[in-house]
């Protein structure tokens, strides 16, 4: 579990910002969103293939430059 301790004299807003950055870096929120609903293995495979095709297209486009 992600934890951020409040420092002496630190405003709550700053501690909350540190918590959000830490959660973002760890990818916790992304994982929670992915697992919110069940995704069939075939759908997961299709999504990953689509992402791979997109990234390959971008790599090819920038390789030409």
C-alpha atoms as a PDB file:
ATOM      1  CA  UNK A   1       0.000   0.000   0.000  1.00  0.00           C
ATOM      2  CA  UNK A   2       1.285   3.429  -0.903  1.00  0.00           C
ATOM      3  CA  UNK A   3       2.028   5.625   2.066  1.00  0.00           C
ATOM      4  CA  UNK A   4       3.074   9.252   2.453  1.00  0.00           C
ATOM      5  CA  UNK A   5       3.895  10.637   5.867  1.00  0.00           C
ATOM      6  CA  UNK A   6       3.028  14.235   6.619  1.00  0.00           C
ATOM      7  CA  UNK A   7       6.177  16.217   7.377  1.00  0.00           C
ATOM      8  CA  UNK A   8       6.339  18.784  10.141  1.00  0.00           C
ATOM      9  CA  UNK A   9       4.745  22.028   8.984  1.00  0.00           C
ATOM     10  CA  UNK A  10       3.881  20.612   5.546  1.00  0.00           C
ATOM     11  CA  UNK A  11       0.525  21.642   4.087  1.00  0.00           C
ATOM     12  CA  UNK A  12      -1.946  18.868   3.311  1.00  0.00           C
ATOM     13  CA  UNK A  13      -2.034  19.951  -0.337  1.00  0.00           C
ATOM     14  CA  UNK A  14       1.674  19.285  -0.790  1.00  0.00           C
ATOM     15  CA  UNK A  15       1.442  15.871   0.883  1.00  0.00           C
ATOM     16  CA  UNK A  16      -1.531  15.005  -1.320  1.00  0.00           C
ATOM     17  CA  UNK A  17       0.453  16.045  -4.403  1.00  0.00           C
ATOM     18  CA  UNK A  18       3.339  13.788  -3.303  1.00  0.00           C
ATOM     19  CA  UNK A  19       0.885  10.914  -2.802  1.00  0.00           C
ATOM     20  CA  UNK A  20      -0.615  11.387  -6.257  1.00  0.00           C
ATOM     21  CA  UNK A  21       2.845  11.444  -7.876  1.00  0.00           C
ATOM     22  CA  UNK A  22       3.865   8.314  -5.998  1.00  0.00           C
ATOM     23  CA  UNK A  23       0.684   6.472  -7.031  1.00  0.00           C
ATOM     24  CA  UNK A  24       1.191   7.584 -10.629  1.00  0.00           C
ATOM     25  CA  UNK A  25       4.823   6.397 -10.694  1.00  0.00           C
ATOM     26  CA  UNK A  26       3.910   3.007  -9.227  1.00  0.00           C
ATOM     27  CA  UNK A  27       1.074   2.534 -11.707  1.00  0.00           C
ATOM     28  CA  UNK A  28      -1.377   1.671  -8.927  1.00  0.00           C
ATOM     29  CA  UNK A  29      -4.256   3.688 -10.348  1.00  0.00           C
ATOM     30  CA  UNK A  30      -3.773   2.225 -13.832  1.00  0.00           C
ATOM     31  CA  UNK A  31      -3.904  -1.307 -12.445  1.00  0.00           C
ATOM     32  CA  UNK A  32      -7.060  -0.552 -10.456  1.00  0.00           C
ATOM     33  CA  UNK A  33      -8.764   0.883 -13.534  1.00  0.00           C
ATOM     34  CA  UNK A  34      -7.779  -2.139 -15.617  1.00  0.00           C
ATOM     35  CA  UNK A  35      -9.154  -4.554 -13.034  1.00  0.00           C
ATOM     36  CA  UNK A  36     -12.392  -2.679 -12.430  1.00  0.00           C
ATOM     37  CA  UNK A  37     -14.159  -4.927 -14.948  1.00  0.00           C
ATOM     38  CA  UNK A  38     -13.280  -8.430 -16.069  1.00  0.00           C
ATOM     39  CA  UNK A  39     -11.517  -8.568 -19.408  1.00  0.00           C
ATOM     40  CA  UNK A  40     -11.684 -11.811 -21.347  1.00  0.00           C
ATOM     41  CA  UNK A  41      -8.309 -13.231 -22.388  1.00  0.00           C
ATOM     42  CA  UNK A  42      -9.242 -12.819 -26.063  1.00  0.00           C
ATOM     43  CA  UNK A  43     -10.083  -9.134 -25.483  1.00  0.00           C
ATOM     44  CA  UNK A  44      -6.814  -8.618 -23.606  1.00  0.00           C
ATOM     45  CA  UNK A  45      -4.871 -10.235 -26.456  1.00  0.00           C
ATOM     46  CA  UNK A  46      -6.714  -8.115 -29.037  1.00  0.00           C
ATOM     47  CA  UNK A  47      -5.996  -4.918 -27.057  1.00  0.00           C
ATOM     48  CA  UNK A  48      -2.297  -5.756 -26.712  1.00  0.00           C
ATOM     49  CA  UNK A  49      -2.010  -6.556 -30.435  1.00  0.00           C
ATOM     50  CA  UNK A  50      -3.687  -3.261 -31.306  1.00  0.00           C
ATOM     51  CA  UNK A  51      -1.266  -1.374 -29.053  1.00  0.00           C
ATOM     52  CA  UNK A  52       1.704  -3.206 -30.578  1.00  0.00           C
ATOM     53  CA  UNK A  53       0.527  -2.344 -34.116  1.00  0.00           C
ATOM     54  CA  UNK A  54       0.134   1.314 -33.137  1.00  0.00           C
ATOM     55  CA  UNK A  55       3.592   1.495 -31.557  1.00  0.00           C
ATOM     56  CA  UNK A  56       5.145  -0.228 -34.585  1.00  0.00           C
ATOM     57  CA  UNK A  57       3.447   2.295 -36.868  1.00  0.00           C
ATOM     58  CA  UNK A  58       4.826   5.175 -34.783  1.00  0.00           C
ATOM     59  CA  UNK A  59       8.311   3.649 -34.785  1.00  0.00           C
ATOM     60  CA  UNK A  60       8.192   3.255 -38.569  1.00  0.00           C
ATOM     61  CA  UNK A  61       6.947   6.806 -39.022  1.00  0.00           C
ATOM     62  CA  UNK A  62       9.727   8.319 -36.908  1.00  0.00           C
ATOM     63  CA  UNK A  63      12.380   6.051 -38.427  1.00  0.00           C
ATOM     64  CA  UNK A  64      11.688   7.704 -41.798  1.00  0.00           C
ATOM     65  CA  UNK A  65      12.440  11.185 -40.445  1.00  0.00           C
END
